[in-house]
Every structure is written in structure tokens, then in C-alpha cells.
Amino acid sequence: LKPINLARLATTVERLKGRLSSAPRELRPELLASLERIEAA
């Protein structure tokens, strides 16, 4: 989230480190639709 919060970003970094050993996840269509609604709004 903006503005960048260092503590919250640290959580993101730890999650990414744990996921790099596996394949990236597919994005579900419902998520993309939700993002598009926000972009349009």
C-alpha cells in the first residue's frame, strides 16, 4: 500500500522469499476483474 510502510514491506519480502522456490501463482479472473473496476473508477 502507498505510502510505503517499512514494516508492511518486510512482511512482503518474507512472503516473496518463501515463494521464490516455487512457480509463480496464476491470477484468478475475479481478481483481475476487481482491479479493472478500481482502475475504471
PDB file of all heavy atoms in Angstrom:
ATOM      1  N   LEU A   1       0.828  -1.199   0.000  1.00  0.00           N
ATOM      2  CA  LEU A   1       0.000   0.000   0.000  1.00  0.00           C
ATOM      3  C   LEU A   1       0.866   1.254   0.000  1.00  0.00           C
ATOM      4  O   LEU A   1       1.936   1.288   0.594  1.00  0.00           O
ATOM      5  CB  LEU A   1      -0.910   0.011   1.240  1.00  0.00           C
ATOM      6  CG  LEU A   1      -2.035  -1.025   1.273  1.00  0.00           C
ATOM      7  CD1 LEU A   1      -2.799  -0.905   2.587  1.00  0.00           C
ATOM      8  CD2 LEU A   1      -2.981  -0.831   0.097  1.00  0.00           C
ATOM      9  N   LYS A   2       0.385   2.278  -0.705  1.00  0.00           N
ATOM     10  CA  LYS A   2       1.039   3.594  -0.681  1.00  0.00           C
ATOM     11  C   LYS A   2       0.458   4.416   0.467  1.00  0.00           C
ATOM     12  O   LYS A   2      -0.747   4.349   0.704  1.00  0.00           O
ATOM     13  CB  LYS A   2       0.796   4.335  -1.997  1.00  0.00           C
ATOM     14  CG  LYS A   2       1.228   3.595  -3.241  1.00  0.00           C
ATOM     15  CD  LYS A   2       0.844   4.433  -4.455  1.00  0.00           C
ATOM     16  CE  LYS A   2       1.034   3.685  -5.743  1.00  0.00           C
ATOM     17  NZ  LYS A   2       0.663   4.497  -6.920  1.00  0.00           N
ATOM     18  N   PRO A   3       1.271   5.237   1.142  1.00  0.00           N
ATOM     19  CA  PRO A   3       2.728   5.314   1.022  1.00  0.00           C
ATOM     20  C   PRO A   3       3.400   4.072   1.607  1.00  0.00           C
ATOM     21  O   PRO A   3       2.797   3.349   2.406  1.00  0.00           O
ATOM     22  CB  PRO A   3       3.078   6.573   1.824  1.00  0.00           C
ATOM     23  CG  PRO A   3       1.979   6.666   2.841  1.00  0.00           C
ATOM     24  CD  PRO A   3       0.744   6.178   2.144  1.00  0.00           C
ATOM     25  N   ILE A   4       4.650   3.829   1.229  1.00  0.00           N
ATOM     26  CA  ILE A   4       5.352   2.616   1.626  1.00  0.00           C
ATOM     27  C   ILE A   4       5.566   2.583   3.138  1.00  0.00           C
ATOM     28  O   ILE A   4       6.071   3.542   3.723  1.00  0.00           O
ATOM     29  CB  ILE A   4       6.714   2.517   0.910  1.00  0.00           C
ATOM     30  CG1 ILE A   4       6.540   2.596  -0.610  1.00  0.00           C
ATOM     31  CG2 ILE A   4       7.431   1.224   1.309  1.00  0.00           C
ATOM     32  CD1 ILE A   4       5.661   1.523  -1.190  1.00  0.00           C
ATOM     33  N   ASN A   5       5.151   1.481   3.742  1.00  0.00           N
ATOM     34  CA  ASN A   5       5.359   1.245   5.163  1.00  0.00           C
ATOM     35  C   ASN A   5       6.425   0.162   5.297  1.00  0.00           C
ATOM     36  O   ASN A   5       6.252  -0.948   4.806  1.00  0.00           O
ATOM     37  CB  ASN A   5       4.054   0.816   5.830  1.00  0.00           C
ATOM     38  CG  ASN A   5       4.225   0.519   7.305  1.00  0.00           C
ATOM     39  OD1 ASN A   5       4.745  -0.524   7.681  1.00  0.00           O
ATOM     40  ND2 ASN A   5       3.784   1.440   8.143  1.00  0.00           N
ATOM     41  N   LEU A   6       7.542   0.491   5.950  1.00  0.00           N
ATOM     42  CA  LEU A   6       8.678  -0.428   6.003  1.00  0.00           C
ATOM     43  C   LEU A   6       8.328  -1.745   6.672  1.00  0.00           C
ATOM     44  O   LEU A   6       8.728  -2.818   6.198  1.00  0.00           O
ATOM     45  CB  LEU A   6       9.845   0.244   6.726  1.00  0.00           C
ATOM     46  CG  LEU A   6      11.233  -0.370   6.484  1.00  0.00           C
ATOM     47  CD1 LEU A   6      11.620  -0.260   5.029  1.00  0.00           C
ATOM     48  CD2 LEU A   6      12.280   0.312   7.359  1.00  0.00           C
ATOM     49  N   ALA A   7       7.558  -1.697   7.747  1.00  0.00           N
ATOM     50  CA  ALA A   7       7.198  -2.933   8.455  1.00  0.00           C
ATOM     51  C   ALA A   7       6.320  -3.814   7.576  1.00  0.00           C
ATOM     52  O   ALA A   7       6.494  -5.039   7.531  1.00  0.00           O
ATOM     53  CB  ALA A   7       6.483  -2.590   9.758  1.00  0.00           C
ATOM     54  N   ARG A   8       5.361  -3.214   6.876  1.00  0.00           N
ATOM     55  CA  ARG A   8       4.482  -3.995   5.994  1.00  0.00           C
ATOM     56  C   ARG A   8       5.263  -4.559   4.814  1.00  0.00           C
ATOM     57  O   ARG A   8       5.041  -5.700   4.392  1.00  0.00           O
ATOM     58  CB  ARG A   8       3.325  -3.119   5.497  1.00  0.00           C
ATOM     59  CG  ARG A   8       2.389  -3.835   4.530  1.00  0.00           C
ATOM     60  CD  ARG A   8       1.713  -5.031   5.215  1.00  0.00           C
ATOM     61  NE  ARG A   8       0.895  -5.782   4.286  1.00  0.00           N
ATOM     62  CZ  ARG A   8       1.347  -6.701   3.430  1.00  0.00           C
ATOM     63  NH1 ARG A   8       2.643  -6.974   3.391  1.00  0.00           N
ATOM     64  NH2 ARG A   8       0.522  -7.341   2.646  1.00  0.00           N
ATOM     65  N   LEU A   9       6.212  -3.775   4.278  1.00  0.00           N
ATOM     66  CA  LEU A   9       7.032  -4.252   3.172  1.00  0.00           C
ATOM     67  C   LEU A   9       7.914  -5.411   3.615  1.00  0.00           C
ATOM     68  O   LEU A   9       8.186  -6.332   2.825  1.00  0.00           O
ATOM     69  CB  LEU A   9       7.885  -3.115   2.615  1.00  0.00           C
ATOM     70  CG  LEU A   9       8.702  -3.434   1.358  1.00  0.00           C
ATOM     71  CD1 LEU A   9       7.799  -3.853   0.193  1.00  0.00           C
ATOM     72  CD2 LEU A   9       9.546  -2.225   0.949  1.00  0.00           C
ATOM     73  N   ALA A  10       8.356  -5.395   4.864  1.00  0.00           N
ATOM     74  CA  ALA A  10       9.164  -6.502   5.383  1.00  0.00           C
ATOM     75  C   ALA A  10       8.373  -7.810   5.336  1.00  0.00           C
ATOM     76  O   ALA A  10       8.929  -8.877   5.026  1.00  0.00           O
ATOM     77  CB  ALA A  10       9.608  -6.205   6.819  1.00  0.00           C
ATOM     78  N   THR A  11       7.066  -7.738   5.609  1.00  0.00           N
ATOM     79  CA  THR A  11       6.215  -8.935   5.506  1.00  0.00           C
ATOM     80  C   THR A  11       6.160  -9.416   4.066  1.00  0.00           C
ATOM     81  O   THR A  11       6.230 -10.621   3.795  1.00  0.00           O
ATOM     82  CB  THR A  11       4.802  -8.611   6.012  1.00  0.00           C
ATOM     83  OG1 THR A  11       4.872  -8.186   7.371  1.00  0.00           O
ATOM     84  CG2 THR A  11       3.897  -9.832   5.900  1.00  0.00           C
ATOM     85  N   THR A  12       6.023  -8.485   3.129  1.00  0.00           N
ATOM     86  CA  THR A  12       6.008  -8.834   1.711  1.00  0.00           C
ATOM     87  C   THR A  12       7.308  -9.527   1.312  1.00  0.00           C
ATOM     88  O   THR A  12       7.294 -10.545   0.595  1.00  0.00           O
ATOM     89  CB  THR A  12       5.813  -7.571   0.851  1.00  0.00           C
ATOM     90  OG1 THR A  12       4.546  -6.999   1.154  1.00  0.00           O
ATOM     91  CG2 THR A  12       5.890  -7.891  -0.630  1.00  0.00           C
ATOM     92  N   VAL A  13       8.432  -8.988   1.762  1.00  0.00           N
ATOM     93  CA  VAL A  13       9.732  -9.571   1.432  1.00  0.00           C
ATOM     94  C   VAL A  13       9.823 -11.005   1.934  1.00  0.00           C
ATOM     95  O   VAL A  13      10.283 -11.905   1.221  1.00  0.00           O
ATOM     96  CB  VAL A  13      10.869  -8.699   2.024  1.00  0.00           C
ATOM     97  CG1 VAL A  13      12.203  -9.453   2.002  1.00  0.00           C
ATOM     98  CG2 VAL A  13      10.981  -7.394   1.249  1.00  0.00           C
ATOM     99  N   GLU A  14       9.389 -11.247   3.153  1.00  0.00           N
ATOM    100  CA  GLU A  14       9.451 -12.605   3.699  1.00  0.00           C
ATOM    101  C   GLU A  14       8.554 -13.556   2.912  1.00  0.00           C
ATOM    102  O   GLU A  14       8.923 -14.708   2.659  1.00  0.00           O
ATOM    103  CB  GLU A  14       9.061 -12.601   5.180  1.00  0.00           C
ATOM    104  CG  GLU A  14      10.064 -11.913   6.083  1.00  0.00           C
ATOM    105  CD  GLU A  14      11.484 -12.445   5.887  1.00  0.00           C
ATOM    106  OE1 GLU A  14      11.659 -13.692   5.932  1.00  0.00           O
ATOM    107  OE2 GLU A  14      12.390 -11.636   5.662  1.00  0.00           O
ATOM    108  N   ARG A  15       7.374 -13.092   2.508  1.00  0.00           N
ATOM    109  CA  ARG A  15       6.492 -13.926   1.702  1.00  0.00           C
ATOM    110  C   ARG A  15       7.127 -14.259   0.355  1.00  0.00           C
ATOM    111  O   ARG A  15       7.047 -15.386  -0.137  1.00  0.00           O
ATOM    112  CB  ARG A  15       5.151 -13.225   1.499  1.00  0.00           C
ATOM    113  CG  ARG A  15       4.275 -13.225   2.734  1.00  0.00           C
ATOM    114  CD  ARG A  15       3.020 -12.373   2.541  1.00  0.00           C
ATOM    115  NE  ARG A  15       2.135 -12.475   3.687  1.00  0.00           N
ATOM    116  CZ  ARG A  15       1.081 -11.698   3.885  1.00  0.00           C
ATOM    117  NH1 ARG A  15       0.779 -10.739   3.025  1.00  0.00           N
ATOM    118  NH2 ARG A  15       0.320 -11.872   4.959  1.00  0.00           N
ATOM    119  N   LEU A  16       7.762 -13.262  -0.247  1.00  0.00           N
ATOM    120  CA  LEU A  16       8.406 -13.489  -1.547  1.00  0.00           C
ATOM    121  C   LEU A  16       9.557 -14.474  -1.421  1.00  0.00           C
ATOM    122  O   LEU A  16       9.721 -15.363  -2.274  1.00  0.00           O
ATOM    123  CB  LEU A  16       8.902 -12.163  -2.112  1.00  0.00           C
ATOM    124  CG  LEU A  16       7.830 -11.220  -2.659  1.00  0.00           C
ATOM    125  CD1 LEU A  16       8.413  -9.841  -2.916  1.00  0.00           C
ATOM    126  CD2 LEU A  16       7.202 -11.783  -3.932  1.00  0.00           C
ATOM    127  N   LYS A  17      10.353 -14.330  -0.397  1.00  0.00           N
ATOM    128  CA  LYS A  17      11.468 -15.262  -0.196  1.00  0.00           C
ATOM    129  C   LYS A  17      10.963 -16.693  -0.094  1.00  0.00           C
ATOM    130  O   LYS A  17      11.575 -17.627  -0.614  1.00  0.00           O
ATOM    131  CB  LYS A  17      12.248 -14.888   1.066  1.00  0.00           C
ATOM    132  CG  LYS A  17      13.100 -13.631   0.919  1.00  0.00           C
ATOM    133  CD  LYS A  17      13.830 -13.334   2.225  1.00  0.00           C
ATOM    134  CE  LYS A  17      14.738 -12.118   2.102  1.00  0.00           C
ATOM    135  NZ  LYS A  17      15.443 -11.809   3.374  1.00  0.00           N
ATOM    136  N   GLY A  18       9.824 -16.855   0.575  1.00  0.00           N
ATOM    137  CA  GLY A  18       9.258 -18.193   0.725  1.00  0.00           C
ATOM    138  C   GLY A  18       8.663 -18.748  -0.560  1.00  0.00           C
ATOM    139  O   GLY A  18       8.527 -19.967  -0.711  1.00  0.00           O
ATOM    140  N   ARG A  19       8.330 -17.866  -1.492  1.00  0.00           N
ATOM    141  CA  ARG A  19       7.679 -18.321  -2.727  1.00  0.00           C
ATOM    142  C   ARG A  19       8.617 -18.482  -3.905  1.00  0.00           C
ATOM    143  O   ARG A  19       8.237 -19.072  -4.913  1.00  0.00           O
ATOM    144  CB  ARG A  19       6.578 -17.331  -3.109  1.00  0.00           C
ATOM    145  CG  ARG A  19       5.403 -17.371  -2.174  1.00  0.00           C
ATOM    146  CD  ARG A  19       4.234 -16.631  -2.762  1.00  0.00           C
ATOM    147  NE  ARG A  19       3.060 -16.763  -1.915  1.00  0.00           N
ATOM    148  CZ  ARG A  19       1.855 -16.376  -2.265  1.00  0.00           C
ATOM    149  NH1 ARG A  19       1.662 -15.826  -3.444  1.00  0.00           N
ATOM    150  NH2 ARG A  19       0.841 -16.523  -1.447  1.00  0.00           N
ATOM    151  N   LEU A  20       9.803 -17.935  -3.818  1.00  0.00           N
ATOM    152  CA  LEU A  20      10.700 -17.970  -4.964  1.00  0.00           C
ATOM    153  C   LEU A  20      11.104 -19.381  -5.361  1.00  0.00           C
ATOM    154  O   LEU A  20      11.470 -19.632  -6.511  1.00  0.00           O
ATOM    155  CB  LEU A  20      11.956 -17.138  -4.683  1.00  0.00           C
ATOM    156  CG  LEU A  20      11.783 -15.621  -4.780  1.00  0.00           C
ATOM    157  CD1 LEU A  20      13.079 -14.920  -4.424  1.00  0.00           C
ATOM    158  CD2 LEU A  20      11.340 -15.223  -6.186  1.00  0.00           C
ATOM    159  N   SER A  21      11.048 -20.304  -4.421  1.00  0.00           N
ATOM    160  CA  SER A  21      11.422 -21.686  -4.729  1.00  0.00           C
ATOM    161  C   SER A  21      10.333 -22.426  -5.497  1.00  0.00           C
ATOM    162  O   SER A  21      10.563 -23.527  -6.002  1.00  0.00           O
ATOM    163  CB  SER A  21      11.740 -22.449  -3.436  1.00  0.00           C
ATOM    164  OG  SER A  21      10.616 -22.431  -2.564  1.00  0.00           O
ATOM    165  N   SER A  22       9.145 -21.836  -5.605  1.00  0.00           N
ATOM    166  CA  SER A  22       8.046 -22.468  -6.342  1.00  0.00           C
ATOM    167  C   SER A  22       7.621 -21.575  -7.503  1.00  0.00           C
ATOM    168  O   SER A  22       7.983 -20.408  -7.577  1.00  0.00           O
ATOM    169  CB  SER A  22       6.854 -22.720  -5.416  1.00  0.00           C
ATOM    170  OG  SER A  22       6.427 -21.509  -4.812  1.00  0.00           O
ATOM    171  N   ALA A  23       6.833 -22.133  -8.401  1.00  0.00           N
ATOM    172  CA  ALA A  23       6.384 -21.384  -9.586  1.00  0.00           C
ATOM    173  C   ALA A  23       5.437 -20.268  -9.178  1.00  0.00           C
ATOM    174  O   ALA A  23       4.678 -20.403  -8.211  1.00  0.00           O
ATOM    175  CB  ALA A  23       5.686 -22.325 -10.556  1.00  0.00           C
ATOM    176  N   PRO A  24       5.458 -19.135  -9.887  1.00  0.00           N
ATOM    177  CA  PRO A  24       4.517 -18.044  -9.584  1.00  0.00           C
ATOM    178  C   PRO A  24       3.075 -18.514  -9.707  1.00  0.00           C
ATOM    179  O   PRO A  24       2.750 -19.370 -10.524  1.00  0.00           O
ATOM    180  CB  PRO A  24       4.844 -16.990 -10.651  1.00  0.00           C
ATOM    181  CG  PRO A  24       6.249 -17.279 -11.048  1.00  0.00           C
ATOM    182  CD  PRO A  24       6.391 -18.772 -10.960  1.00  0.00           C
ATOM    183  N   ARG A  25       2.212 -17.924  -8.891  1.00  0.00           N
ATOM    184  CA  ARG A  25       0.801 -18.319  -8.897  1.00  0.00           C
ATOM    185  C   ARG A  25       0.078 -17.691 -10.073  1.00  0.00           C
ATOM    186  O   ARG A  25       0.401 -16.593 -10.519  1.00  0.00           O
ATOM    187  CB  ARG A  25       0.140 -17.862  -7.590  1.00  0.00           C
ATOM    188  CG  ARG A  25       0.721 -18.507  -6.354  1.00  0.00           C
ATOM    189  CD  ARG A  25       0.274 -17.785  -5.093  1.00  0.00           C
ATOM    190  NE  ARG A  25      -1.163 -17.880  -4.866  1.00  0.00           N
ATOM    191  CZ  ARG A  25      -1.787 -17.270  -3.854  1.00  0.00           C
ATOM    192  NH1 ARG A  25      -1.087 -16.510  -3.025  1.00  0.00           N
ATOM    193  NH2 ARG A  25      -3.089 -17.403  -3.689  1.00  0.00           N
ATOM    194  N   GLU A  26      -0.915 -18.401 -10.578  1.00  0.00           N
ATOM    195  CA  GLU A  26      -1.802 -17.820 -11.583  1.00  0.00           C
ATOM    196  C   GLU A  26      -2.720 -16.804 -10.902  1.00  0.00           C
ATOM    197  O   GLU A  26      -3.091 -16.963  -9.736  1.00  0.00           O
ATOM    198  CB  GLU A  26      -2.653 -18.919 -12.232  1.00  0.00           C
ATOM    199  CG  GLU A  26      -1.859 -19.901 -13.085  1.00  0.00           C
ATOM    200  CD  GLU A  26      -1.439 -19.295 -14.412  1.00  0.00           C
ATOM    201  OE1 GLU A  26      -1.984 -18.237 -14.781  1.00  0.00           O
ATOM    202  OE2 GLU A  26      -0.568 -19.880 -15.070  1.00  0.00           O
ATOM    203  N   LEU A  27      -3.092 -15.769 -11.622  1.00  0.00           N
ATOM    204  CA  LEU A  27      -4.004 -14.763 -11.090  1.00  0.00           C
ATOM    205  C   LEU A  27      -5.440 -15.162 -11.438  1.00  0.00           C
ATOM    206  O   LEU A  27      -5.755 -15.394 -12.604  1.00  0.00           O
ATOM    207  CB  LEU A  27      -3.696 -13.387 -11.671  1.00  0.00           C
ATOM    208  CG  LEU A  27      -2.313 -12.828 -11.349  1.00  0.00           C
ATOM    209  CD1 LEU A  27      -2.115 -11.502 -12.051  1.00  0.00           C
ATOM    210  CD2 LEU A  27      -2.137 -12.656  -9.856  1.00  0.00           C
ATOM    211  N   ARG A  28      -6.273 -15.230 -10.439  1.00  0.00           N
ATOM    212  CA  ARG A  28      -7.655 -15.638 -10.690  1.00  0.00           C
ATOM    213  C   ARG A  28      -8.416 -14.543 -11.414  1.00  0.00           C
ATOM    214  O   ARG A  28      -8.204 -13.351 -11.174  1.00  0.00           O
ATOM    215  CB  ARG A  28      -8.337 -15.988  -9.360  1.00  0.00           C
ATOM    216  CG  ARG A  28      -7.762 -17.267  -8.739  1.00  0.00           C
ATOM    217  CD  ARG A  28      -8.312 -17.513  -7.356  1.00  0.00           C
ATOM    218  NE  ARG A  28      -9.757 -17.626  -7.346  1.00  0.00           N
ATOM    219  CZ  ARG A  28     -10.471 -17.807  -6.227  1.00  0.00           C
ATOM    220  NH1 ARG A  28      -9.833 -17.876  -5.072  1.00  0.00           N
ATOM    221  NH2 ARG A  28     -11.783 -17.906  -6.277  1.00  0.00           N
ATOM    222  N   PRO A  29      -9.306 -14.912 -12.346  1.00  0.00           N
ATOM    223  CA  PRO A  29     -10.052 -13.910 -13.133  1.00  0.00           C
ATOM    224  C   PRO A  29     -10.812 -12.912 -12.279  1.00  0.00           C
ATOM    225  O   PRO A  29     -10.939 -11.740 -12.638  1.00  0.00           O
ATOM    226  CB  PRO A  29     -11.010 -14.773 -13.971  1.00  0.00           C
ATOM    227  CG  PRO A  29     -10.341 -16.101 -14.065  1.00  0.00           C
ATOM    228  CD  PRO A  29      -9.618 -16.286 -12.762  1.00  0.00           C
ATOM    229  N   GLU A  30     -11.313 -13.368 -11.119  1.00  0.00           N
ATOM    230  CA  GLU A  30     -12.078 -12.457 -10.260  1.00  0.00           C
ATOM    231  C   GLU A  30     -11.203 -11.305  -9.763  1.00  0.00           C
ATOM    232  O   GLU A  30     -11.660 -10.180  -9.595  1.00  0.00           O
ATOM    233  CB  GLU A  30     -12.640 -13.208  -9.050  1.00  0.00           C
ATOM    234  CG  GLU A  30     -13.516 -14.395  -9.413  1.00  0.00           C
ATOM    235  CD  GLU A  30     -12.734 -15.686  -9.380  1.00  0.00           C
ATOM    236  OE1 GLU A  30     -11.643 -15.739  -9.984  1.00  0.00           O
ATOM    237  OE2 GLU A  30     -13.201 -16.650  -8.746  1.00  0.00           O
ATOM    238  N   LEU A  31      -9.918 -11.588  -9.512  1.00  0.00           N
ATOM    239  CA  LEU A  31      -9.013 -10.546  -9.056  1.00  0.00           C
ATOM    240  C   LEU A  31      -8.801  -9.513 -10.152  1.00  0.00           C
ATOM    241  O   LEU A  31      -8.890  -8.302  -9.913  1.00  0.00           O
ATOM    242  CB  LEU A  31      -7.675 -11.142  -8.638  1.00  0.00           C
ATOM    243  CG  LEU A  31      -6.544 -10.133  -8.388  1.00  0.00           C
ATOM    244  CD1 LEU A  31      -6.919  -9.150  -7.301  1.00  0.00           C
ATOM    245  CD2 LEU A  31      -5.252 -10.848  -8.060  1.00  0.00           C
ATOM    246  N   LEU A  32      -8.527  -9.969 -11.358  1.00  0.00           N
ATOM    247  CA  LEU A  32      -8.300  -9.039 -12.462  1.00  0.00           C
ATOM    248  C   LEU A  32      -9.537  -8.188 -12.722  1.00  0.00           C
ATOM    249  O   LEU A  32      -9.435  -6.993 -12.994  1.00  0.00           O
ATOM    250  CB  LEU A  32      -7.908  -9.819 -13.717  1.00  0.00           C
ATOM    251  CG  LEU A  32      -6.551 -10.535 -13.626  1.00  0.00           C
ATOM    252  CD1 LEU A  32      -6.345 -11.425 -14.842  1.00  0.00           C
ATOM    253  CD2 LEU A  32      -5.423  -9.541 -13.498  1.00  0.00           C
ATOM    254  N   ALA A  33     -10.712  -8.796 -12.618  1.00  0.00           N
ATOM    255  CA  ALA A  33     -11.953  -8.041 -12.810  1.00  0.00           C
ATOM    256  C   ALA A  33     -12.099  -6.973 -11.733  1.00  0.00           C
ATOM    257  O   ALA A  33     -12.511  -5.836 -12.008  1.00  0.00           O
ATOM    258  CB  ALA A  33     -13.147  -8.987 -12.798  1.00  0.00           C
ATOM    259  N   SER A  34     -11.753  -7.319 -10.497  1.00  0.00           N
ATOM    260  CA  SER A  34     -11.838  -6.362  -9.397  1.00  0.00           C
ATOM    261  C   SER A  34     -10.870  -5.205  -9.610  1.00  0.00           C
ATOM    262  O   SER A  34     -11.215  -4.034  -9.417  1.00  0.00           O
ATOM    263  CB  SER A  34     -11.523  -7.063  -8.072  1.00  0.00           C
ATOM    264  OG  SER A  34     -11.474  -6.145  -7.012  1.00  0.00           O
ATOM    265  N   LEU A  35      -9.657  -5.509 -10.048  1.00  0.00           N
ATOM    266  CA  LEU A  35      -8.668  -4.470 -10.301  1.00  0.00           C
ATOM    267  C   LEU A  35      -9.125  -3.548 -11.434  1.00  0.00           C
ATOM    268  O   LEU A  35      -8.938  -2.329 -11.373  1.00  0.00           O
ATOM    269  CB  LEU A  35      -7.324  -5.100 -10.661  1.00  0.00           C
ATOM    270  CG  LEU A  35      -6.622  -5.895  -9.554  1.00  0.00           C
ATOM    271  CD1 LEU A  35      -5.360  -6.547 -10.101  1.00  0.00           C
ATOM    272  CD2 LEU A  35      -6.292  -5.011  -8.375  1.00  0.00           C
ATOM    273  N   GLU A  36      -9.712  -4.125 -12.463  1.00  0.00           N
ATOM    274  CA  GLU A  36     -10.189  -3.323 -13.588  1.00  0.00           C
ATOM    275  C   GLU A  36     -11.301  -2.372 -13.160  1.00  0.00           C
ATOM    276  O   GLU A  36     -11.391  -1.245 -13.647  1.00  0.00           O
ATOM    277  CB  GLU A  36     -10.660  -4.240 -14.719  1.00  0.00           C
ATOM    278  CG  GLU A  36      -9.496  -4.893 -15.454  1.00  0.00           C
ATOM    279  CD  GLU A  36      -9.935  -6.009 -16.380  1.00  0.00           C
ATOM    280  OE1 GLU A  36     -11.117  -6.435 -16.283  1.00  0.00           O
ATOM    281  OE2 GLU A  36      -9.119  -6.460 -17.195  1.00  0.00           O
ATOM    282  N   ARG A  37     -12.152  -2.819 -12.235  1.00  0.00           N
ATOM    283  CA  ARG A  37     -13.212  -1.937 -11.735  1.00  0.00           C
ATOM    284  C   ARG A  37     -12.610  -0.758 -10.983  1.00  0.00           C
ATOM    285  O   ARG A  37     -13.065   0.393 -11.119  1.00  0.00           O
ATOM    286  CB  ARG A  37     -14.172  -2.719 -10.832  1.00  0.00           C
ATOM    287  CG  ARG A  37     -15.108  -3.658 -11.584  1.00  0.00           C
ATOM    288  CD  ARG A  37     -16.224  -4.131 -10.681  1.00  0.00           C
ATOM    289  NE  ARG A  37     -15.742  -4.903  -9.558  1.00  0.00           N
ATOM    290  CZ  ARG A  37     -15.573  -6.226  -9.584  1.00  0.00           C
ATOM    291  NH1 ARG A  37     -15.841  -6.899 -10.699  1.00  0.00           N
ATOM    292  NH2 ARG A  37     -15.147  -6.870  -8.520  1.00  0.00           N
ATOM    293  N   ILE A  38     -11.574  -1.029 -10.187  1.00  0.00           N
ATOM    294  CA  ILE A  38     -10.919   0.044  -9.447  1.00  0.00           C
ATOM    295  C   ILE A  38     -10.221   0.998 -10.405  1.00  0.00           C
ATOM    296  O   ILE A  38     -10.291   2.214 -10.263  1.00  0.00           O
ATOM    297  CB  ILE A  38      -9.917  -0.536  -8.427  1.00  0.00           C
ATOM    298  CG1 ILE A  38     -10.684  -1.237  -7.298  1.00  0.00           C
ATOM    299  CG2 ILE A  38      -9.018   0.551  -7.864  1.00  0.00           C
ATOM    300  CD1 ILE A  38      -9.819  -1.979  -6.342  1.00  0.00           C
ATOM    301  N   GLU A  39      -9.555   0.452 -11.413  1.00  0.00           N
ATOM    302  CA  GLU A  39      -8.879   1.284 -12.406  1.00  0.00           C
ATOM    303  C   GLU A  39      -9.879   2.184 -13.116  1.00  0.00           C
ATOM    304  O   GLU A  39      -9.637   3.375 -13.311  1.00  0.00           O
ATOM    305  CB  GLU A  39      -8.160   0.407 -13.428  1.00  0.00           C
ATOM    306  CG  GLU A  39      -7.373   1.209 -14.452  1.00  0.00           C
ATOM    307  CD  GLU A  39      -6.747   0.338 -15.514  1.00  0.00           C
ATOM    308  OE1 GLU A  39      -7.353  -0.690 -15.867  1.00  0.00           O
ATOM    309  OE2 GLU A  39      -5.684   0.708 -16.012  1.00  0.00           O
ATOM    310  N   ALA A  40     -11.029   1.622 -13.481  1.00  0.00           N
ATOM    311  CA  ALA A  40     -12.048   2.415 -14.175  1.00  0.00           C
ATOM    312  C   ALA A  40     -12.618   3.492 -13.260  1.00  0.00           C
ATOM    313  O   ALA A  40     -12.878   4.615 -13.685  1.00  0.00           O
ATOM    314  CB  ALA A  40     -13.163   1.499 -14.675  1.00  0.00           C
ATOM    315  N   ALA A  41     -12.814   3.148 -11.994  1.00  0.00           N
ATOM    316  CA  ALA A  41     -13.411   4.099 -11.056  1.00  0.00           C
ATOM    317  C   ALA A  41     -12.484   5.268 -10.757  1.00  0.00           C
ATOM    318  O   ALA A  41     -12.933   6.362 -10.430  1.00  0.00           O
ATOM    319  CB  ALA A  41     -13.769   3.387  -9.755  1.00  0.00           C
TER     320      ALA A  41
END
